């Protein structure tokens, strides 16, 4: 089984962090294929950058269509998730969706801690239909770039954020953000509730869905396109829009 771990920004260090976490969580015999877009923002931290990143991500996925058994979007805003599911012939899992759904099976309410602003996550949790299960969102004063440069500092502020969410009633806490991938083992001992890494949860769900071998929907929003013309797209992406 081959699973594409697709970053949506162009920071290779984030791709590497997510790929390492994915390999640590994957079952024996599962090959993790890391992918970084050819173009797009270095880090997604705004609505505009997320929209630009969607094109780069879909371009990346198109290059791997038919060559992998599942895709995990290694991007905390689950960028272009619905479009990716329509585009790809295999299952596609969003890392934050996977972590939040897992949290719902571990307790009544979950919290989410991330770097920086939380509004995008508030919208995402609501989009996934889970707003009523979320006890709180907390953004710590740190950035993905700072986390790469100061991992110990990142662990410290994330642990403080987890503690505040637990005080607010969280039965588990989602570590929101690709830059938080791989932190859970180092935070586990000090956390009184389960901590959920979206890459770990996502890889397990991707394996399960790939093993089920679900058929591609023939109707509805996930049905593939046929005969759509385009201009200026990569050959791989243009072929998928034509249904070839």
Protein backbone atom coordinates (compact mmCIF):
# COMPACT_ATOMS: atom_id res chain seq x y z
CA UNK A 1 0.00 0.00 0.00
CA UNK A 2 1.27 3.49 -0.91
CA UNK A 3 -0.08 6.62 0.81
CA UNK A 4 0.71 10.10 -0.46
CA UNK A 5 1.31 12.57 2.38
CA UNK A 6 0.61 15.83 0.55
CA UNK A 7 1.72 19.11 2.04
CA UNK A 8 -0.18 22.15 0.72
CA UNK A 9 2.56 24.70 1.26
CA UNK A 10 6.04 24.81 -0.20
CA UNK A 11 8.06 24.47 3.03
CA UNK A 12 9.96 21.19 2.62
CA UNK A 13 10.75 21.04 6.35
CA UNK A 14 7.02 20.76 7.10
CA UNK A 15 6.66 18.00 4.50
CA UNK A 16 9.54 16.16 6.14
CA UNK A 17 8.06 16.53 9.64
CA UNK A 18 4.71 15.17 8.48
CA UNK A 19 6.31 12.31 6.54
CA UNK A 20 8.32 11.26 9.59
CA UNK A 21 5.19 11.26 11.77
CA UNK A 22 3.33 9.29 9.09
CA UNK A 23 6.05 6.64 8.87
CA UNK A 24 5.98 6.26 12.64
CA UNK A 25 2.23 5.64 12.58
CA UNK A 26 1.94 3.52 9.42
CA UNK A 27 1.47 -0.23 9.50
CA UNK A 28 4.28 -2.52 8.32
CA UNK A 29 4.46 -2.65 4.54
CA UNK A 30 2.85 0.76 4.01
CA UNK A 31 5.00 3.10 1.92
CA UNK A 32 4.74 6.79 2.75
CA UNK A 33 5.20 9.04 -0.29
CA UNK A 34 5.88 12.67 0.75
CA UNK A 35 4.82 15.44 -1.62
CA UNK A 36 5.39 19.20 -1.75
CA UNK A 37 3.68 21.49 -4.32
CA UNK A 38 5.70 22.98 -7.16
CA UNK A 39 4.26 26.42 -6.38
CA UNK A 40 2.28 28.25 -3.73
CA UNK A 41 2.72 29.99 -0.38
CA UNK A 42 5.55 29.04 1.95
CA UNK A 43 3.14 28.82 4.89
CA UNK A 44 -0.67 29.08 4.86
CA UNK A 45 -1.81 31.68 7.37
CA UNK A 46 -4.64 33.52 5.59
CA UNK A 47 -7.73 32.94 3.46
CA UNK A 48 -5.88 34.19 0.39
CA UNK A 49 -2.88 31.89 0.90
CA UNK A 50 -5.23 28.95 1.46
CA UNK A 51 -6.99 29.65 -1.84
CA UNK A 52 -3.68 29.89 -3.72
CA UNK A 53 -2.43 26.73 -2.03
CA UNK A 54 -5.48 24.78 -3.22
CA UNK A 55 -4.30 24.99 -6.84
CA UNK A 56 -0.77 23.92 -5.95
CA UNK A 57 -2.11 21.00 -3.92
CA UNK A 58 -4.44 19.75 -6.67
CA UNK A 59 -1.58 20.05 -9.16
CA UNK A 60 0.54 17.88 -6.84
CA UNK A 61 -2.20 15.28 -6.40
CA UNK A 62 -2.77 15.01 -10.14
CA UNK A 63 0.86 13.97 -10.61
CA UNK A 64 0.25 10.99 -8.28
CA UNK A 65 -3.21 9.94 -9.51
CA UNK A 66 -3.33 6.20 -10.13
CA UNK A 67 0.03 5.67 -8.39
CA UNK A 68 -1.09 5.71 -4.73
CA UNK A 69 -3.78 3.88 -2.76
CA UNK A 70 -4.81 6.83 -0.58
CA UNK A 71 -3.94 10.46 0.10
CA UNK A 72 -3.49 12.24 3.43
CA UNK A 73 -3.65 16.02 3.20
CA UNK A 74 -0.84 17.18 5.50
CA UNK A 75 -2.33 20.63 5.92
CA UNK A 76 -4.25 21.63 9.01
CA UNK A 77 -7.00 23.56 7.20
CA UNK A 78 -7.82 20.45 5.14
CA UNK A 79 -7.17 22.59 2.08
CA UNK A 80 -9.20 21.64 -1.02
CA UNK A 81 -10.45 18.44 0.65
CA UNK A 82 -13.73 18.16 -1.27
CA UNK A 83 -12.06 19.06 -4.58
CA UNK A 84 -9.31 16.52 -3.92
CA UNK A 85 -11.91 13.81 -3.31
CA UNK A 86 -13.52 14.61 -6.63
CA UNK A 87 -10.18 14.72 -8.42
CA UNK A 88 -8.51 11.56 -7.13
CA UNK A 89 -9.46 7.95 -7.91
CA UNK A 90 -8.50 6.90 -4.35
CA UNK A 91 -9.66 7.91 -0.84
CA UNK A 92 -8.51 11.32 0.42
CA UNK A 93 -8.32 12.13 4.15
CA UNK A 94 -7.90 15.55 5.75
CA UNK A 95 -5.63 15.56 8.80
CA UNK A 96 -7.78 17.85 10.95
CA UNK A 97 -11.01 16.12 9.97
CA UNK A 98 -9.41 12.80 10.93
CA UNK A 99 -8.23 14.07 14.32
CA UNK A 100 -11.57 15.69 15.17
CA UNK A 101 -13.56 12.59 14.20
CA UNK A 102 -11.23 10.46 16.32
CA UNK A 103 -11.71 12.86 19.23
CA UNK A 104 -15.47 12.36 19.00
CA UNK A 105 -14.94 8.64 19.63
CA UNK A 106 -12.87 9.30 22.75
CA UNK A 107 -15.12 11.69 24.66
CA UNK A 108 -18.01 14.09 24.49
CA UNK A 109 -16.09 17.29 23.70
CA UNK A 110 -12.67 18.09 22.31
CA UNK A 111 -10.43 21.14 22.22
CA UNK A 112 -7.96 22.20 19.56
CA UNK A 113 -4.64 23.96 20.07
CA UNK A 114 -2.69 25.53 17.23
CA UNK A 115 -0.13 28.18 16.39
CA UNK A 116 -1.58 31.64 15.83
CA UNK A 117 -5.15 32.45 14.81
CA UNK A 118 -8.06 30.06 15.33
CA UNK A 119 -10.81 31.50 13.12
CA UNK A 120 -9.95 29.21 10.21
CA UNK A 121 -10.27 26.21 12.51
CA UNK A 122 -13.56 27.46 13.89
CA UNK A 123 -14.93 27.56 10.36
CA UNK A 124 -13.41 24.18 9.53
CA UNK A 125 -14.83 22.43 12.59
CA UNK A 126 -18.25 23.85 11.74
CA UNK A 127 -17.87 22.79 8.11
CA UNK A 128 -17.21 19.23 9.28
CA UNK A 129 -20.40 19.39 11.39
CA UNK A 130 -18.57 19.14 14.72
CA UNK A 131 -19.02 22.60 16.25
CA UNK A 132 -21.29 21.21 18.96
CA UNK A 133 -18.61 18.75 20.04
CA UNK A 134 -15.83 21.36 20.30
CA UNK A 135 -15.28 22.81 23.79
CA UNK A 136 -12.74 25.40 22.72
CA UNK A 137 -10.06 26.54 20.28
CA UNK A 138 -6.80 28.06 21.43
CA UNK A 139 -4.04 29.70 19.43
CA UNK A 140 -0.65 29.96 21.13
CA UNK A 141 1.77 32.79 20.40
CA UNK A 142 4.13 30.83 18.16
CA UNK A 143 4.57 30.25 14.43
CA UNK A 144 5.42 27.17 12.36
CA UNK A 145 8.74 28.80 11.47
CA UNK A 146 9.54 29.35 15.16
CA UNK A 147 8.59 25.74 15.91
CA UNK A 148 11.15 24.50 13.41
CA UNK A 149 13.83 26.74 14.93
CA UNK A 150 12.88 26.23 18.60
CA UNK A 151 11.19 22.85 19.10
CA UNK A 152 11.57 22.95 22.89
CA UNK A 153 9.86 26.33 23.06
CA UNK A 154 7.08 25.03 20.86
CA UNK A 155 6.51 22.05 23.14
CA UNK A 156 6.33 24.35 26.15
CA UNK A 157 3.69 26.70 24.76
CA UNK A 158 1.62 23.86 23.29
CA UNK A 159 1.61 22.08 26.67
CA UNK A 160 0.35 25.28 28.29
CA UNK A 161 -2.38 25.50 25.68
CA UNK A 162 -3.42 21.90 26.28
CA UNK A 163 -3.72 22.58 30.02
CA UNK A 164 -5.99 25.57 29.41
CA UNK A 165 -8.25 23.56 27.10
CA UNK A 166 -8.54 20.75 29.64
CA UNK A 167 -9.53 23.32 32.27
CA UNK A 168 -12.24 24.43 29.83
CA UNK A 169 -13.76 20.96 29.65
CA UNK A 170 -11.96 19.19 26.80
CA UNK A 171 -12.00 15.38 27.02
CA UNK A 172 -9.25 15.25 24.39
CA UNK A 173 -7.18 17.83 22.51
CA UNK A 174 -6.42 17.98 18.80
CA UNK A 175 -2.94 19.21 17.95
CA UNK A 176 -3.98 21.47 15.08
CA UNK A 177 -1.35 22.09 12.47
CA UNK A 178 1.13 20.25 10.31
CA UNK A 179 3.93 21.96 12.26
CA UNK A 180 2.69 20.13 15.40
CA UNK A 181 3.10 16.72 13.75
CA UNK A 182 5.18 14.38 15.86
CA UNK A 183 4.82 16.33 19.12
CA UNK A 184 2.29 14.02 20.78
CA UNK A 185 4.77 11.47 22.24
CA UNK A 186 6.75 14.23 23.96
CA UNK A 187 3.61 15.88 25.36
CA UNK A 188 1.77 12.71 26.37
CA UNK A 189 3.27 12.28 29.83
CA UNK A 190 2.18 15.71 31.03
CA UNK A 191 -1.30 15.65 29.46
CA UNK A 192 -4.28 14.37 31.49
CA UNK A 193 -6.34 13.66 28.34
CA UNK A 194 -5.62 12.06 24.95
CA UNK A 195 -3.75 14.24 22.45
CA UNK A 196 -4.56 13.68 18.79
CA UNK A 197 -2.04 14.21 16.01
CA UNK A 198 -3.84 14.67 12.70
CA UNK A 199 -1.09 12.92 10.75
CA UNK A 200 -1.25 9.83 12.97
CA UNK A 201 -5.05 9.71 12.92
CA UNK A 202 -5.12 10.44 9.21
CA UNK A 203 -2.67 7.70 8.25
CA UNK A 204 -4.69 5.10 10.16
CA UNK A 205 -7.91 6.25 8.51
CA UNK A 206 -6.28 6.32 5.09
CA UNK A 207 -5.07 2.74 5.57
CA UNK A 208 -8.58 1.65 6.58
CA UNK A 209 -10.25 3.34 3.62
CA UNK A 210 -7.69 2.01 1.16
CA UNK A 211 -8.23 -1.47 2.57
CA UNK A 212 -11.98 -1.18 2.05
CA UNK A 213 -11.39 -0.37 -1.64
CA UNK A 214 -14.56 1.74 -1.93
CA UNK A 215 -15.82 2.39 -5.47
CA UNK A 216 -15.61 5.92 -6.84
CA UNK A 217 -19.05 7.60 -6.68
CA UNK A 218 -20.71 7.89 -10.07
CA UNK A 219 -22.96 10.76 -8.95
CA UNK A 220 -22.83 13.57 -6.42
CA UNK A 221 -20.08 16.05 -5.48
CA UNK A 222 -17.32 13.43 -5.39
CA UNK A 223 -18.05 12.04 -8.87
CA UNK A 224 -15.19 12.62 -11.33
CA UNK A 225 -15.47 15.20 -14.08
CA UNK A 226 -15.61 14.34 -17.76
CA UNK A 227 -14.81 16.38 -20.85
CA UNK A 228 -13.89 19.65 -19.12
CA UNK A 229 -11.63 21.99 -21.08
CA UNK A 230 -8.96 24.11 -19.39
CA UNK A 231 -6.12 26.50 -20.17
CA UNK A 232 -2.69 26.76 -18.58
CA UNK A 233 -3.00 23.82 -16.19
CA UNK A 234 -0.37 21.13 -15.83
CA UNK A 235 -0.86 18.21 -18.25
CA UNK A 236 -1.69 15.84 -15.38
CA UNK A 237 -4.36 18.11 -13.91
CA UNK A 238 -5.84 18.91 -17.33
CA UNK A 239 -6.12 15.17 -18.11
CA UNK A 240 -8.08 14.51 -14.93
CA UNK A 241 -10.49 17.35 -15.73
CA UNK A 242 -11.07 15.72 -19.11
CA UNK A 243 -11.68 12.41 -17.36
CA UNK A 244 -8.75 10.63 -19.01
